[in-house]
Amino acid sequence: MPKVYMNLGSKIRRLRKLKGLTMEELADQSEVTKGFISQLERDKPDPSFSNLKRVIEALGVELTTFFDDLEEMDKNLFSKKERTGIENGKGYQLLSLTPKLRYLEMEPGLLVIRQNSIYETSFAEDEGFGFIIRGRIDIAVDGEEATMTRGDCFYIFYDNTLKIKNLTEKPAEILLVTY
């Protein structure tokens, strides 16, 4: 079986779940049967181009985008060297721990905050979870404040603001997962 078909089903399943659709709802929107979607997600049929196109369009994804990163979808392991991130000049760096993957239900990142620096962001539509790997921080979430250290964790519901200040002389490291 060609490589492209090996990743097709898992990518369609991932996109369907991200859109919050059942197999039946996707089938209705794609004008195919629920059984076809089920088989497609398990890489069983060799779909016609027109059926596949309807399913992908019902998922709200451009055909070219869908196939551009298809081979990267099944990657499970990532080295430190592959991390990408932003250094914004405000005293923190946010590194993607799963670079180049699209259509994820969650996005794990490593937040590194330099000494006495502050990271602040709004969770308008997402939720998130954080685990302090290294350092001592002051944290504020929706009016709730605390000082936390290695091993402590926090949760952010959507429509909240997160503010973290590093209290140590060394960089604080936080595993930050948004979804």
N, C-alpha and C. Protein backbone atom coordinates (compact mmCIF):
# COMPACT_ATOMS: atom_id res chain seq x y z
N MET A 1 0.85 -1.19 0.00
CA MET A 1 0.00 0.00 0.00
C MET A 1 0.89 1.24 0.00
N PRO A 2 0.64 2.21 -0.87
CA PRO A 2 1.46 3.42 -0.91
C PRO A 2 1.42 4.16 0.42
N LYS A 3 2.49 4.87 0.72
CA LYS A 3 2.63 5.61 1.99
C LYS A 3 1.47 6.58 2.21
N VAL A 4 0.97 7.23 1.17
CA VAL A 4 -0.08 8.23 1.34
C VAL A 4 -1.34 7.61 1.95
N TYR A 5 -1.66 6.37 1.62
CA TYR A 5 -2.86 5.74 2.15
C TYR A 5 -2.68 5.28 3.59
N MET A 6 -1.45 5.05 4.01
CA MET A 6 -1.20 4.59 5.36
C MET A 6 -1.55 5.65 6.40
N ASN A 7 -1.48 6.93 6.06
CA ASN A 7 -1.76 8.01 6.99
C ASN A 7 -3.13 8.64 6.79
N LEU A 8 -3.79 8.31 5.73
CA LEU A 8 -5.05 8.94 5.36
C LEU A 8 -6.12 8.79 6.43
N GLY A 9 -6.36 7.58 6.88
CA GLY A 9 -7.43 7.32 7.84
C GLY A 9 -7.22 8.00 9.17
N SER A 10 -6.01 7.93 9.70
CA SER A 10 -5.75 8.55 11.01
C SER A 10 -5.88 10.06 10.93
N LYS A 11 -5.50 10.64 9.79
CA LYS A 11 -5.62 12.09 9.64
C LYS A 11 -7.09 12.50 9.54
N ILE A 12 -7.87 11.75 8.79
CA ILE A 12 -9.30 12.06 8.67
C ILE A 12 -9.98 11.91 10.03
N ARG A 13 -9.67 10.87 10.77
CA ARG A 13 -10.24 10.67 12.10
C ARG A 13 -9.88 11.84 13.03
N ARG A 14 -8.61 12.25 13.00
CA ARG A 14 -8.15 13.35 13.84
C ARG A 14 -8.89 14.65 13.50
N LEU A 15 -9.02 14.93 12.22
CA LEU A 15 -9.72 16.14 11.80
C LEU A 15 -11.21 16.10 12.17
N ARG A 16 -11.82 14.93 12.00
CA ARG A 16 -13.23 14.79 12.34
C ARG A 16 -13.46 15.05 13.82
N LYS A 17 -12.61 14.49 14.65
CA LYS A 17 -12.75 14.69 16.10
C LYS A 17 -12.49 16.14 16.49
N LEU A 18 -11.52 16.77 15.83
CA LEU A 18 -11.25 18.18 16.11
C LEU A 18 -12.45 19.06 15.77
N LYS A 19 -13.16 18.70 14.72
CA LYS A 19 -14.36 19.45 14.32
C LYS A 19 -15.57 19.09 15.18
N GLY A 20 -15.43 18.08 16.05
CA GLY A 20 -16.53 17.67 16.90
C GLY A 20 -17.64 16.95 16.15
N LEU A 21 -17.28 16.27 15.08
CA LEU A 21 -18.27 15.58 14.27
C LEU A 21 -18.29 14.09 14.56
N THR A 22 -19.46 13.50 14.52
CA THR A 22 -19.57 12.05 14.56
C THR A 22 -19.32 11.53 13.15
N MET A 23 -19.11 10.22 13.02
CA MET A 23 -18.95 9.64 11.69
C MET A 23 -20.21 9.89 10.85
N GLU A 24 -21.34 9.77 11.48
CA GLU A 24 -22.61 9.97 10.77
C GLU A 24 -22.75 11.41 10.27
N GLU A 25 -22.38 12.38 11.10
CA GLU A 25 -22.46 13.78 10.69
C GLU A 25 -21.52 14.08 9.53
N LEU A 26 -20.30 13.54 9.60
CA LEU A 26 -19.34 13.74 8.50
C LEU A 26 -19.86 13.07 7.23
N ALA A 27 -20.42 11.88 7.37
CA ALA A 27 -20.97 11.18 6.22
C ALA A 27 -22.09 12.00 5.58
N ASP A 28 -22.99 12.54 6.38
CA ASP A 28 -24.09 13.37 5.85
C ASP A 28 -23.55 14.59 5.10
N GLN A 29 -22.57 15.26 5.70
CA GLN A 29 -22.01 16.46 5.07
C GLN A 29 -21.21 16.12 3.81
N SER A 30 -20.69 14.91 3.74
CA SER A 30 -19.87 14.49 2.60
C SER A 30 -20.68 13.76 1.53
N GLU A 31 -21.93 13.47 1.85
CA GLU A 31 -22.80 12.71 0.95
C GLU A 31 -22.25 11.32 0.65
N VAL A 32 -21.71 10.67 1.71
CA VAL A 32 -21.28 9.27 1.64
C VAL A 32 -21.92 8.55 2.82
N THR A 33 -21.68 7.27 2.94
CA THR A 33 -22.29 6.51 4.04
C THR A 33 -21.40 6.54 5.28
N LYS A 34 -22.03 6.28 6.42
CA LYS A 34 -21.28 6.18 7.68
C LYS A 34 -20.28 5.02 7.60
N GLY A 35 -20.68 3.93 6.95
CA GLY A 35 -19.79 2.79 6.77
C GLY A 35 -18.56 3.15 5.97
N PHE A 36 -18.73 4.01 4.96
CA PHE A 36 -17.59 4.45 4.16
C PHE A 36 -16.61 5.24 5.02
N ILE A 37 -17.13 6.15 5.87
CA ILE A 37 -16.26 6.93 6.76
C ILE A 37 -15.53 6.00 7.71
N SER A 38 -16.24 5.04 8.28
CA SER A 38 -15.63 4.09 9.20
C SER A 38 -14.49 3.33 8.53
N GLN A 39 -14.73 2.84 7.33
CA GLN A 39 -13.69 2.12 6.59
C GLN A 39 -12.54 3.05 6.20
N LEU A 40 -12.87 4.27 5.80
CA LEU A 40 -11.85 5.24 5.41
C LEU A 40 -10.92 5.53 6.58
N GLU A 41 -11.48 5.70 7.78
CA GLU A 41 -10.66 5.99 8.96
C GLU A 41 -9.79 4.79 9.35
N ARG A 42 -10.15 3.61 8.92
CA ARG A 42 -9.36 2.40 9.20
C ARG A 42 -8.50 2.01 8.00
N ASP A 43 -8.42 2.91 7.01
CA ASP A 43 -7.61 2.69 5.81
C ASP A 43 -8.02 1.45 5.02
N LYS A 44 -9.31 1.13 5.03
CA LYS A 44 -9.80 -0.06 4.33
C LYS A 44 -10.06 0.17 2.85
N PRO A 45 -10.83 1.18 2.46
CA PRO A 45 -11.13 1.29 1.03
C PRO A 45 -10.03 2.03 0.28
N ASP A 46 -10.07 1.90 -1.00
CA ASP A 46 -9.25 2.71 -1.88
C ASP A 46 -10.22 3.73 -2.45
N PRO A 47 -10.38 4.89 -1.77
CA PRO A 47 -11.47 5.81 -2.12
C PRO A 47 -11.30 6.46 -3.48
N SER A 48 -12.43 6.74 -4.10
CA SER A 48 -12.37 7.50 -5.35
C SER A 48 -11.97 8.93 -4.99
N PHE A 49 -11.41 9.62 -5.95
CA PHE A 49 -10.99 11.00 -5.71
C PHE A 49 -12.18 11.87 -5.34
N SER A 50 -13.31 11.69 -6.01
CA SER A 50 -14.47 12.55 -5.74
C SER A 50 -15.01 12.33 -4.32
N ASN A 51 -15.07 11.08 -3.86
CA ASN A 51 -15.53 10.83 -2.48
C ASN A 51 -14.54 11.41 -1.47
N LEU A 52 -13.26 11.20 -1.69
CA LEU A 52 -12.24 11.71 -0.79
C LEU A 52 -12.28 13.24 -0.75
N LYS A 53 -12.45 13.85 -1.90
CA LYS A 53 -12.52 15.31 -1.97
C LYS A 53 -13.71 15.84 -1.16
N ARG A 54 -14.85 15.20 -1.27
CA ARG A 54 -16.03 15.63 -0.51
C ARG A 54 -15.80 15.51 0.99
N VAL A 55 -15.17 14.43 1.42
CA VAL A 55 -14.90 14.24 2.85
C VAL A 55 -13.94 15.31 3.36
N ILE A 56 -12.87 15.56 2.63
CA ILE A 56 -11.87 16.55 3.04
C ILE A 56 -12.48 17.95 3.08
N GLU A 57 -13.29 18.28 2.08
CA GLU A 57 -13.94 19.59 2.06
C GLU A 57 -14.94 19.73 3.21
N ALA A 58 -15.64 18.65 3.55
CA ALA A 58 -16.58 18.69 4.68
C ALA A 58 -15.83 18.92 6.00
N LEU A 59 -14.57 18.55 6.04
CA LEU A 59 -13.75 18.79 7.23
C LEU A 59 -13.19 20.21 7.26
N GLY A 60 -13.45 20.97 6.20
CA GLY A 60 -13.02 22.37 6.17
C GLY A 60 -11.55 22.57 5.86
N VAL A 61 -10.95 21.63 5.13
CA VAL A 61 -9.53 21.70 4.82
C VAL A 61 -9.35 21.72 3.30
N GLU A 62 -8.41 22.53 2.85
CA GLU A 62 -8.08 22.56 1.42
C GLU A 62 -7.37 21.26 1.05
N LEU A 63 -7.63 20.77 -0.14
CA LEU A 63 -6.99 19.53 -0.60
C LEU A 63 -5.46 19.62 -0.54
N THR A 64 -4.90 20.72 -1.03
CA THR A 64 -3.44 20.84 -1.05
C THR A 64 -2.87 20.83 0.37
N THR A 65 -3.55 21.50 1.29
CA THR A 65 -3.09 21.52 2.69
C THR A 65 -3.17 20.12 3.28
N PHE A 66 -4.25 19.42 2.99
CA PHE A 66 -4.43 18.07 3.52
C PHE A 66 -3.28 17.16 3.11
N PHE A 67 -2.88 17.22 1.85
CA PHE A 67 -1.83 16.32 1.36
C PHE A 67 -0.42 16.84 1.61
N ASP A 68 -0.25 18.14 1.82
CA ASP A 68 1.09 18.71 2.06
C ASP A 68 1.80 18.06 3.23
N ASP A 69 1.10 17.89 4.33
CA ASP A 69 1.77 17.39 5.53
C ASP A 69 1.35 15.97 5.88
N LEU A 70 0.81 15.25 4.94
CA LEU A 70 0.30 13.91 5.21
C LEU A 70 1.37 12.97 5.76
N GLU A 71 2.58 13.03 5.21
CA GLU A 71 3.62 12.11 5.65
C GLU A 71 4.11 12.42 7.06
N GLU A 72 3.89 13.64 7.55
CA GLU A 72 4.34 14.00 8.89
C GLU A 72 3.35 13.59 9.97
N MET A 73 2.14 13.22 9.61
CA MET A 73 1.10 12.99 10.60
C MET A 73 1.38 11.82 11.53
N ASP A 74 2.09 10.81 11.08
CA ASP A 74 2.30 9.64 11.92
C ASP A 74 3.58 9.70 12.73
N LYS A 75 4.27 10.82 12.68
CA LYS A 75 5.50 10.94 13.45
C LYS A 75 5.15 11.01 14.93
N ASN A 76 5.80 10.19 15.73
CA ASN A 76 5.51 10.12 17.15
C ASN A 76 6.65 10.60 18.03
N LEU A 77 7.85 10.60 17.52
CA LEU A 77 9.02 10.92 18.34
C LEU A 77 9.72 12.16 17.80
N PHE A 78 10.13 13.04 18.72
CA PHE A 78 10.77 14.30 18.35
C PHE A 78 11.99 14.53 19.23
N SER A 79 13.09 14.93 18.61
CA SER A 79 14.30 15.23 19.38
C SER A 79 14.33 16.71 19.76
N LYS A 80 15.21 17.06 20.69
CA LYS A 80 15.38 18.47 21.08
C LYS A 80 15.75 19.33 19.89
N LYS A 81 16.55 18.77 18.97
CA LYS A 81 17.03 19.51 17.82
C LYS A 81 15.89 19.98 16.91
N GLU A 82 14.77 19.28 16.94
CA GLU A 82 13.65 19.60 16.06
C GLU A 82 12.74 20.71 16.59
N ARG A 83 12.91 21.10 17.83
CA ARG A 83 12.03 22.10 18.43
C ARG A 83 12.13 23.44 17.72
N THR A 84 10.98 24.06 17.57
CA THR A 84 10.93 25.39 17.01
C THR A 84 10.21 26.28 18.02
N GLY A 85 10.47 27.55 17.98
CA GLY A 85 9.81 28.40 18.95
C GLY A 85 9.93 29.86 18.64
N ILE A 86 9.37 30.62 19.55
CA ILE A 86 9.43 32.07 19.42
C ILE A 86 10.21 32.64 20.59
N GLU A 87 11.09 33.56 20.29
CA GLU A 87 11.80 34.35 21.28
C GLU A 87 11.34 35.76 21.02
N ASN A 88 10.56 36.31 21.92
CA ASN A 88 9.92 37.58 21.61
C ASN A 88 10.63 38.81 22.17
N GLY A 89 11.74 38.61 22.86
CA GLY A 89 12.44 39.75 23.42
C GLY A 89 11.83 40.25 24.71
N LYS A 90 10.80 39.59 25.20
CA LYS A 90 10.14 40.00 26.44
C LYS A 90 10.53 39.10 27.61
N GLY A 91 11.53 38.28 27.42
CA GLY A 91 12.02 37.49 28.54
C GLY A 91 11.53 36.06 28.59
N TYR A 92 10.89 35.61 27.54
CA TYR A 92 10.49 34.20 27.53
C TYR A 92 10.61 33.62 26.13
N GLN A 93 10.64 32.30 26.10
CA GLN A 93 10.69 31.56 24.84
C GLN A 93 9.67 30.43 24.94
N LEU A 94 8.86 30.25 23.91
CA LEU A 94 7.88 29.17 23.87
C LEU A 94 8.26 28.24 22.73
N LEU A 95 8.67 27.02 23.10
CA LEU A 95 9.13 26.04 22.11
C LEU A 95 8.06 25.01 21.83
N SER A 96 7.81 24.72 20.57
CA SER A 96 6.88 23.65 20.20
C SER A 96 7.58 22.32 20.38
N LEU A 97 6.95 21.42 21.13
CA LEU A 97 7.54 20.10 21.37
C LEU A 97 7.17 19.11 20.28
N THR A 98 6.21 19.45 19.44
CA THR A 98 5.81 18.60 18.32
C THR A 98 5.75 19.48 17.05
N PRO A 99 6.91 19.96 16.61
CA PRO A 99 6.92 20.90 15.49
C PRO A 99 6.40 20.28 14.19
N LYS A 100 5.81 21.12 13.38
CA LYS A 100 5.33 20.79 12.04
C LYS A 100 4.08 19.92 12.01
N LEU A 101 3.58 19.46 13.13
CA LEU A 101 2.34 18.68 13.11
C LEU A 101 1.17 19.65 13.09
N ARG A 102 0.18 19.32 12.31
CA ARG A 102 -1.02 20.15 12.22
C ARG A 102 -2.21 19.34 12.73
N TYR A 103 -3.29 20.04 12.97
CA TYR A 103 -4.55 19.42 13.33
C TYR A 103 -4.45 18.59 14.61
N LEU A 104 -3.78 19.13 15.59
CA LEU A 104 -3.65 18.44 16.87
C LEU A 104 -4.78 18.84 17.80
N GLU A 105 -5.20 17.92 18.65
CA GLU A 105 -6.19 18.26 19.66
C GLU A 105 -5.52 19.01 20.81
N MET A 106 -4.24 18.78 20.97
CA MET A 106 -3.49 19.50 22.00
C MET A 106 -2.15 19.91 21.43
N GLU A 107 -1.61 20.99 21.99
CA GLU A 107 -0.32 21.49 21.54
C GLU A 107 0.62 21.59 22.73
N PRO A 108 1.54 20.65 22.87
CA PRO A 108 2.49 20.72 23.98
C PRO A 108 3.64 21.66 23.67
N GLY A 109 3.99 22.47 24.64
CA GLY A 109 5.09 23.40 24.47
C GLY A 109 5.94 23.48 25.72
N LEU A 110 7.16 23.93 25.56
CA LEU A 110 8.05 24.17 26.68
C LEU A 110 8.21 25.68 26.81
N LEU A 111 7.70 26.22 27.90
CA LEU A 111 7.79 27.65 28.18
C LEU A 111 9.00 27.88 29.07
N VAL A 112 9.95 28.69 28.56
CA VAL A 112 11.16 29.02 29.31
C VAL A 112 11.11 30.52 29.60
N ILE A 113 11.07 30.86 30.90
CA ILE A 113 10.98 32.27 31.30
C ILE A 113 12.28 32.66 31.98
N ARG A 114 12.93 33.70 31.46
CA ARG A 114 14.19 34.16 32.04
C ARG A 114 13.95 34.79 33.41
N GLN A 115 15.01 34.98 34.15
CA GLN A 115 14.93 35.52 35.52
C GLN A 115 14.15 36.82 35.57
N ASN A 116 13.28 36.91 36.56
CA ASN A 116 12.45 38.09 36.82
C ASN A 116 11.63 38.57 35.63
N SER A 117 11.38 37.70 34.68
CA SER A 117 10.57 38.05 33.51
C SER A 117 9.15 37.53 33.69
N ILE A 118 8.25 38.07 32.86
CA ILE A 118 6.83 37.73 32.97
C ILE A 118 6.32 37.21 31.62
N TYR A 119 5.52 36.15 31.70
CA TYR A 119 4.80 35.62 30.53
C TYR A 119 3.32 35.83 30.79
N GLU A 120 2.63 36.43 29.82
CA GLU A 120 1.20 36.67 29.97
C GLU A 120 0.50 36.37 28.66
N THR A 121 -0.61 35.63 28.74
CA THR A 121 -1.37 35.30 27.55
C THR A 121 -2.83 35.07 27.91
N SER A 122 -3.68 35.22 26.92
CA SER A 122 -5.11 35.02 27.10
C SER A 122 -5.53 33.70 26.47
N PHE A 123 -6.34 32.95 27.18
CA PHE A 123 -6.89 31.70 26.66
C PHE A 123 -8.33 31.97 26.24
N ALA A 124 -8.49 32.71 25.15
CA ALA A 124 -9.82 33.14 24.70
C ALA A 124 -10.70 31.95 24.31
N GLU A 125 -10.15 31.03 23.55
CA GLU A 125 -10.95 29.90 23.08
C GLU A 125 -10.38 28.56 23.51
N ASP A 126 -9.14 28.52 23.95
CA ASP A 126 -8.50 27.27 24.31
C ASP A 126 -8.54 27.05 25.81
N GLU A 127 -8.16 25.87 26.22
CA GLU A 127 -7.91 25.55 27.61
C GLU A 127 -6.47 25.07 27.68
N GLY A 128 -5.94 25.01 28.89
CA GLY A 128 -4.55 24.60 28.99
C GLY A 128 -4.20 24.01 30.34
N PHE A 129 -3.05 23.37 30.34
CA PHE A 129 -2.53 22.72 31.53
C PHE A 129 -1.05 23.03 31.61
N GLY A 130 -0.53 23.28 32.80
CA GLY A 130 0.89 23.54 32.97
C GLY A 130 1.47 22.73 34.10
N PHE A 131 2.72 22.33 33.93
CA PHE A 131 3.46 21.56 34.93
C PHE A 131 4.82 22.22 35.08
N ILE A 132 5.16 22.63 36.31
CA ILE A 132 6.42 23.33 36.54
C ILE A 132 7.54 22.28 36.59
N ILE A 133 8.45 22.37 35.63
CA ILE A 133 9.57 21.45 35.55
C ILE A 133 10.74 21.95 36.40
N ARG A 134 10.99 23.26 36.33
CA ARG A 134 12.12 23.85 37.04
C ARG A 134 11.78 25.28 37.41
N GLY A 135 12.17 25.68 38.61
CA GLY A 135 12.03 27.07 39.02
C GLY A 135 10.95 27.30 40.06
N ARG A 136 10.82 28.57 40.42
CA ARG A 136 9.79 29.03 41.36
C ARG A 136 9.12 30.22 40.72
N ILE A 137 7.79 30.16 40.64
CA ILE A 137 7.06 31.18 39.90
C ILE A 137 5.91 31.74 40.73
N ASP A 138 5.52 32.97 40.42
CA ASP A 138 4.24 33.53 40.85
C ASP A 138 3.31 33.36 39.67
N ILE A 139 2.11 32.87 39.93
CA ILE A 139 1.16 32.63 38.86
C ILE A 139 -0.20 33.21 39.22
N ALA A 140 -0.87 33.76 38.24
CA ALA A 140 -2.23 34.28 38.43
C ALA A 140 -3.10 33.78 37.28
N VAL A 141 -4.23 33.18 37.65
CA VAL A 141 -5.20 32.70 36.67
C VAL A 141 -6.58 33.11 37.17
N ASP A 142 -7.25 33.96 36.41
CA ASP A 142 -8.62 34.37 36.72
C ASP A 142 -8.78 34.84 38.18
N GLY A 143 -7.86 35.69 38.63
CA GLY A 143 -7.95 36.24 39.98
C GLY A 143 -7.38 35.35 41.07
N GLU A 144 -7.07 34.12 40.76
CA GLU A 144 -6.48 33.19 41.72
C GLU A 144 -4.96 33.29 41.59
N GLU A 145 -4.26 33.50 42.71
CA GLU A 145 -2.81 33.67 42.67
C GLU A 145 -2.12 32.68 43.60
N ALA A 146 -0.90 32.28 43.22
CA ALA A 146 -0.13 31.35 44.04
C ALA A 146 1.34 31.43 43.65
N THR A 147 2.19 30.97 44.56
CA THR A 147 3.60 30.75 44.26
C THR A 147 3.74 29.24 44.11
N MET A 148 4.36 28.83 43.00
CA MET A 148 4.48 27.41 42.70
C MET A 148 5.92 27.05 42.42
N THR A 149 6.25 25.79 42.64
CA THR A 149 7.61 25.29 42.39
C THR A 149 7.55 23.97 41.63
N ARG A 150 8.73 23.43 41.38
CA ARG A 150 8.87 22.19 40.62
C ARG A 150 7.88 21.13 41.11
N GLY A 151 7.18 20.53 40.15
CA GLY A 151 6.23 19.48 40.47
C GLY A 151 4.79 19.97 40.63
N ASP A 152 4.60 21.28 40.82
CA ASP A 152 3.24 21.82 40.93
C ASP A 152 2.65 21.94 39.53
N CYS A 153 1.32 22.03 39.47
CA CYS A 153 0.67 22.17 38.17
C CYS A 153 -0.54 23.10 38.27
N PHE A 154 -1.05 23.50 37.11
CA PHE A 154 -2.20 24.40 37.05
C PHE A 154 -3.03 24.09 35.82
N TYR A 155 -4.27 24.55 35.84
CA TYR A 155 -5.20 24.37 34.72
C TYR A 155 -5.82 25.72 34.39
N ILE A 156 -5.99 26.00 33.10
CA ILE A 156 -6.59 27.26 32.66
C ILE A 156 -7.81 26.94 31.81
N PHE A 157 -8.96 27.43 32.24
CA PHE A 157 -10.17 27.26 31.44
C PHE A 157 -10.20 28.35 30.38
N TYR A 158 -10.99 28.12 29.32
CA TYR A 158 -11.08 29.12 28.26
C TYR A 158 -11.61 30.43 28.83
N ASP A 159 -11.29 31.49 28.14
CA ASP A 159 -11.71 32.85 28.49
C ASP A 159 -11.06 33.34 29.79
N ASN A 160 -9.84 32.89 30.05
CA ASN A 160 -9.06 33.34 31.20
C ASN A 160 -7.71 33.87 30.74
N THR A 161 -7.07 34.65 31.59
CA THR A 161 -5.74 35.15 31.33
C THR A 161 -4.76 34.46 32.28
N LEU A 162 -3.62 34.09 31.75
CA LEU A 162 -2.56 33.45 32.52
C LEU A 162 -1.40 34.42 32.63
N LYS A 163 -0.89 34.61 33.83
CA LYS A 163 0.27 35.48 34.05
C LYS A 163 1.24 34.73 34.96
N ILE A 164 2.50 34.60 34.48
CA ILE A 164 3.52 33.87 35.23
C ILE A 164 4.76 34.75 35.34
N LYS A 165 5.30 34.86 36.56
CA LYS A 165 6.56 35.59 36.77
C LYS A 165 7.58 34.63 37.37
N ASN A 166 8.76 34.60 36.76
CA ASN A 166 9.86 33.78 37.27
C ASN A 166 10.48 34.51 38.46
N LEU A 167 10.59 33.83 39.59
CA LEU A 167 11.14 34.44 40.81
C LEU A 167 12.60 34.07 41.06
N THR A 168 13.20 33.28 40.19
CA THR A 168 14.56 32.79 40.44
C THR A 168 15.58 33.44 39.52
N GLU A 169 16.85 33.20 39.82
CA GLU A 169 17.96 33.73 39.03
C GLU A 169 18.21 32.89 37.77
N LYS A 170 17.66 31.69 37.73
CA LYS A 170 17.82 30.81 36.57
C LYS A 170 16.50 30.74 35.82
N PRO A 171 16.52 30.33 34.55
CA PRO A 171 15.28 30.22 33.79
C PRO A 171 14.31 29.21 34.44
N ALA A 172 13.05 29.57 34.46
CA ALA A 172 11.98 28.65 34.88
C ALA A 172 11.51 27.90 33.64
N GLU A 173 11.21 26.62 33.80
CA GLU A 173 10.73 25.81 32.68
C GLU A 173 9.38 25.22 33.04
N ILE A 174 8.42 25.36 32.12
CA ILE A 174 7.07 24.90 32.36
C ILE A 174 6.59 24.15 31.12
N LEU A 175 6.10 22.93 31.34
CA LEU A 175 5.43 22.21 30.27
C LEU A 175 4.04 22.82 30.16
N LEU A 176 3.73 23.38 29.00
CA LEU A 176 2.45 24.06 28.79
C LEU A 176 1.73 23.35 27.64
N VAL A 177 0.55 22.79 27.95
CA VAL A 177 -0.23 22.07 26.96
C VAL A 177 -1.54 22.79 26.75
N THR A 178 -1.81 23.21 25.51
CA THR A 178 -3.08 23.87 25.21
C THR A 178 -3.89 22.98 24.28
N TYR A 179 -5.21 23.10 24.41
CA TYR A 179 -6.10 22.32 23.53
C TYR A 179 -7.44 22.99 23.43
